Amino acid sequence: MKGTQIPYKMLSQDAYSQWLGVEILECEVGRCKIGMTIRKYMLNSMDKAHGGVSYSLADTAFGFAANTHGKFAVSIETSINHIEALSEGDVLVAESVIEKVTNKLGFNIIEVKRGNELVALFKGVVYRTQKEW
């Protein structure tokens, strides 16, 4: 399967990302940009988006980009910095760029933005298996 088709296949099999309302905006080998809108059921007790929402969006972008090389890539370490609080109706875009790929590992940086404003910064490492998509 061609690398840029893999994220679309992944999304078609990913009930959670579909439930979040994730859409693929751009995709090329080593990079994927996705978006979603914060909805009421995603809010916490302080009427702000639960931190897991921006984490999930970034993690999805991470997984999609990491798999564009054609081999199954699975997350082994991630972290996120929540920079700004998010509200219902906010439109988020997460872009994952692969910073470095070795035979076994991939290192990604994911920026989550609301418009031009950086709202979260996510870092992830994947293990690249030998299994082909």
N, C-alpha and C. Protein backbone atom coordinates (compact mmCIF):
# COMPACT_ATOMS: atom_id res chain seq x y z
N MET A 1 0.84 -1.18 0.00
CA MET A 1 0.00 0.00 0.00
C MET A 1 0.89 1.25 0.00
N LYS A 2 0.52 2.25 -0.79
CA LYS A 2 1.26 3.50 -0.87
C LYS A 2 1.18 4.24 0.46
N GLY A 3 2.29 4.81 0.91
CA GLY A 3 2.39 5.45 2.22
C GLY A 3 1.34 6.49 2.52
N THR A 4 1.01 7.34 1.54
CA THR A 4 0.04 8.40 1.81
C THR A 4 -1.39 7.88 1.91
N GLN A 5 -1.64 6.65 1.50
CA GLN A 5 -2.97 6.04 1.63
C GLN A 5 -3.17 5.40 3.01
N ILE A 6 -2.08 5.09 3.67
CA ILE A 6 -2.15 4.37 4.95
C ILE A 6 -2.95 5.13 6.01
N PRO A 7 -2.75 6.44 6.23
CA PRO A 7 -3.56 7.13 7.24
C PRO A 7 -5.06 7.06 6.97
N TYR A 8 -5.47 7.09 5.72
CA TYR A 8 -6.89 6.98 5.40
C TYR A 8 -7.42 5.60 5.78
N LYS A 9 -6.62 4.57 5.52
CA LYS A 9 -7.01 3.20 5.92
C LYS A 9 -7.07 3.11 7.44
N MET A 10 -6.06 3.70 8.12
CA MET A 10 -6.04 3.68 9.58
C MET A 10 -7.29 4.36 10.15
N LEU A 11 -7.63 5.55 9.62
CA LEU A 11 -8.79 6.28 10.11
C LEU A 11 -10.08 5.49 9.89
N SER A 12 -10.17 4.79 8.76
CA SER A 12 -11.38 4.01 8.47
C SER A 12 -11.57 2.86 9.46
N GLN A 13 -10.49 2.45 10.14
CA GLN A 13 -10.55 1.35 11.11
C GLN A 13 -10.44 1.84 12.56
N ASP A 14 -10.45 3.15 12.77
CA ASP A 14 -10.21 3.75 14.08
C ASP A 14 -11.49 4.39 14.62
N ALA A 15 -12.29 3.61 15.32
CA ALA A 15 -13.58 4.10 15.84
C ALA A 15 -13.40 5.29 16.77
N TYR A 16 -12.36 5.31 17.57
CA TYR A 16 -12.15 6.40 18.53
C TYR A 16 -11.89 7.72 17.81
N SER A 17 -10.98 7.71 16.84
CA SER A 17 -10.69 8.94 16.10
C SER A 17 -11.90 9.41 15.30
N GLN A 18 -12.69 8.47 14.80
CA GLN A 18 -13.93 8.83 14.11
C GLN A 18 -14.90 9.49 15.09
N TRP A 19 -15.00 8.95 16.31
CA TRP A 19 -15.87 9.51 17.34
C TRP A 19 -15.43 10.93 17.70
N LEU A 20 -14.12 11.17 17.71
CA LEU A 20 -13.60 12.51 17.98
C LEU A 20 -13.93 13.49 16.85
N GLY A 21 -14.20 12.96 15.67
CA GLY A 21 -14.47 13.81 14.51
C GLY A 21 -13.21 14.19 13.75
N VAL A 22 -12.18 13.38 13.85
CA VAL A 22 -10.91 13.65 13.18
C VAL A 22 -11.07 13.59 11.66
N GLU A 23 -10.48 14.56 11.00
CA GLU A 23 -10.42 14.59 9.54
C GLU A 23 -8.97 14.75 9.11
N ILE A 24 -8.59 14.05 8.07
CA ILE A 24 -7.24 14.21 7.51
C ILE A 24 -7.26 15.41 6.58
N LEU A 25 -6.37 16.37 6.83
CA LEU A 25 -6.30 17.59 6.03
C LEU A 25 -5.21 17.51 4.96
N GLU A 26 -4.05 16.98 5.34
CA GLU A 26 -2.92 16.83 4.42
C GLU A 26 -2.13 15.61 4.83
N CYS A 27 -1.51 14.96 3.86
CA CYS A 27 -0.71 13.79 4.18
C CYS A 27 0.35 13.58 3.11
N GLU A 28 1.56 13.35 3.55
CA GLU A 28 2.65 12.95 2.67
C GLU A 28 3.55 12.04 3.50
N VAL A 29 4.48 11.38 2.87
CA VAL A 29 5.35 10.47 3.62
C VAL A 29 6.12 11.29 4.66
N GLY A 30 5.98 10.88 5.92
CA GLY A 30 6.68 11.54 7.02
C GLY A 30 5.96 12.72 7.63
N ARG A 31 4.76 13.05 7.14
CA ARG A 31 4.03 14.21 7.66
C ARG A 31 2.53 14.00 7.49
N CYS A 32 1.77 14.38 8.52
CA CYS A 32 0.32 14.30 8.44
C CYS A 32 -0.29 15.44 9.24
N LYS A 33 -1.29 16.10 8.67
CA LYS A 33 -2.01 17.18 9.33
C LYS A 33 -3.48 16.77 9.41
N ILE A 34 -4.03 16.82 10.64
CA ILE A 34 -5.42 16.44 10.86
C ILE A 34 -6.12 17.53 11.68
N GLY A 35 -7.44 17.51 11.66
CA GLY A 35 -8.19 18.50 12.41
C GLY A 35 -9.43 17.94 13.06
N MET A 36 -9.98 18.70 14.01
CA MET A 36 -11.22 18.35 14.69
C MET A 36 -11.75 19.58 15.41
N THR A 37 -13.00 19.51 15.84
CA THR A 37 -13.64 20.59 16.58
C THR A 37 -13.99 20.10 17.98
N ILE A 38 -13.72 20.94 19.00
CA ILE A 38 -14.06 20.60 20.39
C ILE A 38 -15.59 20.68 20.54
N ARG A 39 -16.18 19.60 21.07
CA ARG A 39 -17.63 19.55 21.29
C ARG A 39 -17.93 19.47 22.79
N LYS A 40 -19.18 19.77 23.13
CA LYS A 40 -19.58 19.88 24.53
C LYS A 40 -19.22 18.65 25.36
N TYR A 41 -19.41 17.46 24.79
CA TYR A 41 -19.14 16.25 25.57
C TYR A 41 -17.65 16.00 25.81
N MET A 42 -16.80 16.88 25.28
CA MET A 42 -15.35 16.77 25.48
C MET A 42 -14.86 17.68 26.61
N LEU A 43 -15.79 18.40 27.26
CA LEU A 43 -15.42 19.38 28.28
C LEU A 43 -15.31 18.74 29.66
N ASN A 44 -14.43 19.30 30.49
CA ASN A 44 -14.27 18.83 31.86
C ASN A 44 -15.13 19.65 32.82
N SER A 45 -14.93 19.47 34.11
CA SER A 45 -15.74 20.15 35.12
C SER A 45 -15.50 21.65 35.17
N MET A 46 -14.44 22.14 34.52
CA MET A 46 -14.15 23.58 34.48
C MET A 46 -14.60 24.20 33.16
N ASP A 47 -15.41 23.45 32.39
CA ASP A 47 -15.95 23.91 31.11
C ASP A 47 -14.86 24.16 30.07
N LYS A 48 -13.76 23.44 30.20
CA LYS A 48 -12.67 23.48 29.22
C LYS A 48 -12.47 22.07 28.68
N ALA A 49 -11.84 21.97 27.52
CA ALA A 49 -11.62 20.65 26.94
C ALA A 49 -10.73 19.82 27.86
N HIS A 50 -11.11 18.58 28.04
CA HIS A 50 -10.29 17.62 28.79
C HIS A 50 -8.93 17.52 28.09
N GLY A 51 -7.86 17.44 28.87
CA GLY A 51 -6.51 17.34 28.29
C GLY A 51 -6.33 16.15 27.37
N GLY A 52 -7.12 15.11 27.60
CA GLY A 52 -7.03 13.93 26.75
C GLY A 52 -7.48 14.18 25.32
N VAL A 53 -8.25 15.24 25.09
CA VAL A 53 -8.72 15.53 23.74
C VAL A 53 -7.58 15.99 22.85
N SER A 54 -6.82 17.00 23.30
CA SER A 54 -5.69 17.46 22.49
C SER A 54 -4.61 16.37 22.42
N TYR A 55 -4.47 15.61 23.51
CA TYR A 55 -3.52 14.49 23.49
C TYR A 55 -3.93 13.47 22.42
N SER A 56 -5.21 13.13 22.40
CA SER A 56 -5.70 12.14 21.43
C SER A 56 -5.51 12.61 20.00
N LEU A 57 -5.80 13.89 19.75
CA LEU A 57 -5.62 14.43 18.40
C LEU A 57 -4.15 14.35 18.00
N ALA A 58 -3.26 14.78 18.88
CA ALA A 58 -1.83 14.73 18.58
C ALA A 58 -1.35 13.30 18.39
N ASP A 59 -1.83 12.40 19.24
CA ASP A 59 -1.43 10.99 19.15
C ASP A 59 -1.89 10.37 17.83
N THR A 60 -3.06 10.75 17.36
CA THR A 60 -3.56 10.25 16.09
C THR A 60 -2.69 10.76 14.94
N ALA A 61 -2.38 12.05 14.94
CA ALA A 61 -1.51 12.62 13.90
C ALA A 61 -0.15 11.92 13.92
N PHE A 62 0.36 11.67 15.11
CA PHE A 62 1.63 10.97 15.32
C PHE A 62 1.59 9.59 14.68
N GLY A 63 0.56 8.82 15.00
CA GLY A 63 0.43 7.47 14.46
C GLY A 63 0.30 7.46 12.95
N PHE A 64 -0.49 8.38 12.43
CA PHE A 64 -0.68 8.43 10.98
C PHE A 64 0.64 8.73 10.27
N ALA A 65 1.35 9.76 10.72
CA ALA A 65 2.62 10.14 10.07
C ALA A 65 3.66 9.03 10.19
N ALA A 66 3.73 8.41 11.36
CA ALA A 66 4.74 7.37 11.60
C ALA A 66 4.54 6.15 10.73
N ASN A 67 3.31 5.90 10.30
CA ASN A 67 3.03 4.72 9.49
C ASN A 67 3.13 4.97 7.98
N THR A 68 3.34 6.22 7.58
CA THR A 68 3.41 6.53 6.14
C THR A 68 4.61 5.91 5.45
N HIS A 69 5.57 5.41 6.22
CA HIS A 69 6.74 4.75 5.61
C HIS A 69 6.43 3.33 5.16
N GLY A 70 5.22 2.85 5.46
CA GLY A 70 4.78 1.56 4.93
C GLY A 70 4.91 0.38 5.86
N LYS A 71 5.55 0.56 7.01
CA LYS A 71 5.65 -0.52 8.00
C LYS A 71 4.81 -0.14 9.22
N PHE A 72 4.26 -1.16 9.88
CA PHE A 72 3.52 -0.91 11.11
C PHE A 72 4.47 -0.24 12.11
N ALA A 73 4.04 0.91 12.63
CA ALA A 73 4.81 1.64 13.63
C ALA A 73 3.93 1.80 14.86
N VAL A 74 4.45 1.43 16.02
CA VAL A 74 3.67 1.48 17.26
C VAL A 74 4.35 2.39 18.28
N SER A 75 3.55 3.14 18.98
CA SER A 75 4.05 4.10 19.97
C SER A 75 4.75 3.39 21.12
N ILE A 76 5.91 3.91 21.52
CA ILE A 76 6.58 3.38 22.70
C ILE A 76 6.82 4.45 23.77
N GLU A 77 6.74 5.73 23.38
CA GLU A 77 6.88 6.80 24.37
C GLU A 77 6.28 8.07 23.80
N THR A 78 5.49 8.76 24.64
CA THR A 78 4.91 10.04 24.24
C THR A 78 4.88 10.98 25.43
N SER A 79 4.82 12.28 25.11
CA SER A 79 4.62 13.29 26.15
C SER A 79 3.96 14.50 25.50
N ILE A 80 3.29 15.30 26.33
CA ILE A 80 2.61 16.49 25.81
C ILE A 80 2.77 17.64 26.80
N ASN A 81 2.85 18.83 26.25
CA ASN A 81 2.79 20.07 27.02
C ASN A 81 1.49 20.76 26.62
N HIS A 82 0.61 20.98 27.59
CA HIS A 82 -0.64 21.72 27.35
C HIS A 82 -0.32 23.18 27.59
N ILE A 83 -0.43 24.00 26.55
CA ILE A 83 0.00 25.39 26.61
C ILE A 83 -1.17 26.34 26.84
N GLU A 84 -2.32 26.07 26.21
CA GLU A 84 -3.50 26.92 26.34
C GLU A 84 -4.73 26.05 26.61
N ALA A 85 -5.67 26.59 27.40
CA ALA A 85 -6.94 25.91 27.63
C ALA A 85 -7.79 25.99 26.36
N LEU A 86 -8.61 24.97 26.17
CA LEU A 86 -9.44 24.88 24.96
C LEU A 86 -10.91 24.88 25.33
N SER A 87 -11.73 25.47 24.46
CA SER A 87 -13.15 25.63 24.73
C SER A 87 -14.01 24.98 23.66
N GLU A 88 -15.27 24.76 23.99
CA GLU A 88 -16.22 24.22 23.02
C GLU A 88 -16.23 25.10 21.77
N GLY A 89 -16.19 24.46 20.61
CA GLY A 89 -16.20 25.17 19.34
C GLY A 89 -14.83 25.45 18.77
N ASP A 90 -13.79 25.32 19.60
CA ASP A 90 -12.43 25.54 19.08
C ASP A 90 -12.12 24.50 18.00
N VAL A 91 -11.55 24.97 16.92
CA VAL A 91 -11.10 24.08 15.84
C VAL A 91 -9.61 23.87 16.02
N LEU A 92 -9.21 22.62 16.16
CA LEU A 92 -7.81 22.27 16.38
C LEU A 92 -7.23 21.59 15.15
N VAL A 93 -5.96 21.87 14.90
CA VAL A 93 -5.22 21.21 13.84
C VAL A 93 -3.93 20.69 14.46
N ALA A 94 -3.65 19.42 14.23
CA ALA A 94 -2.41 18.81 14.70
C ALA A 94 -1.59 18.39 13.49
N GLU A 95 -0.33 18.79 13.49
CA GLU A 95 0.56 18.40 12.40
C GLU A 95 1.74 17.64 12.98
N SER A 96 1.92 16.44 12.47
CA SER A 96 3.02 15.58 12.91
C SER A 96 4.08 15.55 11.83
N VAL A 97 5.30 15.83 12.25
CA VAL A 97 6.44 15.80 11.34
C VAL A 97 7.48 14.85 11.92
N ILE A 98 7.94 13.94 11.10
CA ILE A 98 8.97 13.01 11.54
C ILE A 98 10.31 13.74 11.52
N GLU A 99 10.93 13.81 12.68
CA GLU A 99 12.21 14.50 12.81
C GLU A 99 13.37 13.60 12.43
N LYS A 100 13.24 12.30 12.75
CA LYS A 100 14.31 11.35 12.44
C LYS A 100 13.72 9.95 12.39
N VAL A 101 14.19 9.17 11.43
CA VAL A 101 13.77 7.77 11.31
C VAL A 101 15.01 6.91 11.22
N THR A 102 15.05 5.86 12.03
CA THR A 102 16.11 4.86 11.91
C THR A 102 15.44 3.56 11.46
N ASN A 103 16.20 2.51 11.35
CA ASN A 103 15.65 1.23 10.95
C ASN A 103 14.55 0.76 11.90
N LYS A 104 14.70 1.03 13.19
CA LYS A 104 13.76 0.53 14.20
C LYS A 104 12.91 1.61 14.87
N LEU A 105 13.36 2.87 14.85
CA LEU A 105 12.68 3.92 15.61
C LEU A 105 12.33 5.11 14.74
N GLY A 106 11.28 5.83 15.14
CA GLY A 106 10.91 7.09 14.52
C GLY A 106 10.63 8.11 15.61
N PHE A 107 11.11 9.32 15.40
CA PHE A 107 10.98 10.40 16.38
C PHE A 107 10.16 11.53 15.77
N ASN A 108 9.02 11.84 16.39
CA ASN A 108 8.10 12.83 15.84
C ASN A 108 7.85 13.98 16.80
N ILE A 109 7.62 15.15 16.21
CA ILE A 109 7.15 16.33 16.94
C ILE A 109 5.79 16.68 16.35
N ILE A 110 4.83 16.94 17.24
CA ILE A 110 3.47 17.26 16.81
C ILE A 110 3.07 18.58 17.45
N GLU A 111 2.69 19.55 16.61
CA GLU A 111 2.17 20.82 17.09
C GLU A 111 0.65 20.78 16.96
N VAL A 112 -0.03 21.18 18.03
CA VAL A 112 -1.49 21.32 18.01
C VAL A 112 -1.77 22.82 18.06
N LYS A 113 -2.54 23.28 17.08
CA LYS A 113 -2.82 24.72 16.99
C LYS A 113 -4.31 25.00 16.92
N ARG A 114 -4.66 26.18 17.41
CA ARG A 114 -6.00 26.77 17.27
C ARG A 114 -5.75 28.02 16.42
N GLY A 115 -6.06 27.91 15.13
CA GLY A 115 -5.66 28.98 14.22
C GLY A 115 -4.14 28.98 14.12
N ASN A 116 -3.53 30.12 14.35
CA ASN A 116 -2.07 30.23 14.33
C ASN A 116 -1.45 30.05 15.72
N GLU A 117 -2.28 29.86 16.74
CA GLU A 117 -1.82 29.79 18.12
C GLU A 117 -1.45 28.36 18.52
N LEU A 118 -0.23 28.17 18.99
CA LEU A 118 0.20 26.87 19.49
C LEU A 118 -0.47 26.61 20.84
N VAL A 119 -1.26 25.52 20.93
CA VAL A 119 -1.97 25.22 22.17
C VAL A 119 -1.44 23.98 22.88
N ALA A 120 -0.70 23.13 22.16
CA ALA A 120 -0.09 21.94 22.77
C ALA A 120 1.09 21.51 21.92
N LEU A 121 2.07 20.92 22.58
CA LEU A 121 3.26 20.40 21.91
C LEU A 121 3.49 18.98 22.39
N PHE A 122 3.52 18.04 21.45
CA PHE A 122 3.56 16.61 21.72
C PHE A 122 4.83 16.04 21.10
N LYS A 123 5.46 15.13 21.80
CA LYS A 123 6.65 14.43 21.29
C LYS A 123 6.38 12.94 21.37
N GLY A 124 6.75 12.21 20.32
CA GLY A 124 6.51 10.78 20.34
C GLY A 124 7.62 9.98 19.68
N VAL A 125 7.79 8.77 20.18
CA VAL A 125 8.74 7.82 19.62
C VAL A 125 7.97 6.55 19.24
N VAL A 126 8.22 6.04 18.04
CA VAL A 126 7.60 4.79 17.61
C VAL A 126 8.66 3.73 17.39
N TYR A 127 8.22 2.50 17.59
CA TYR A 127 9.00 1.33 17.17
C TYR A 127 8.47 0.91 15.82
N ARG A 128 9.36 0.79 14.86
CA ARG A 128 8.98 0.42 13.50
C ARG A 128 9.15 -1.09 13.32
N THR A 129 8.03 -1.79 13.19
CA THR A 129 8.07 -3.25 13.02
C THR A 129 8.48 -3.60 11.58
N GLN A 130 8.62 -4.85 11.32
CA GLN A 130 8.93 -5.30 9.93
C GLN A 130 7.67 -5.63 9.15
N LYS A 131 6.50 -5.55 9.81
CA LYS A 131 5.24 -5.89 9.15
C LYS A 131 4.84 -4.76 8.19
N GLU A 132 4.57 -5.12 6.96
CA GLU A 132 4.18 -4.16 5.93
C GLU A 132 2.68 -3.90 5.98
N TRP A 133 2.28 -2.69 5.63
CA TRP A 133 0.86 -2.35 5.50
C TRP A 133 0.30 -3.00 4.28
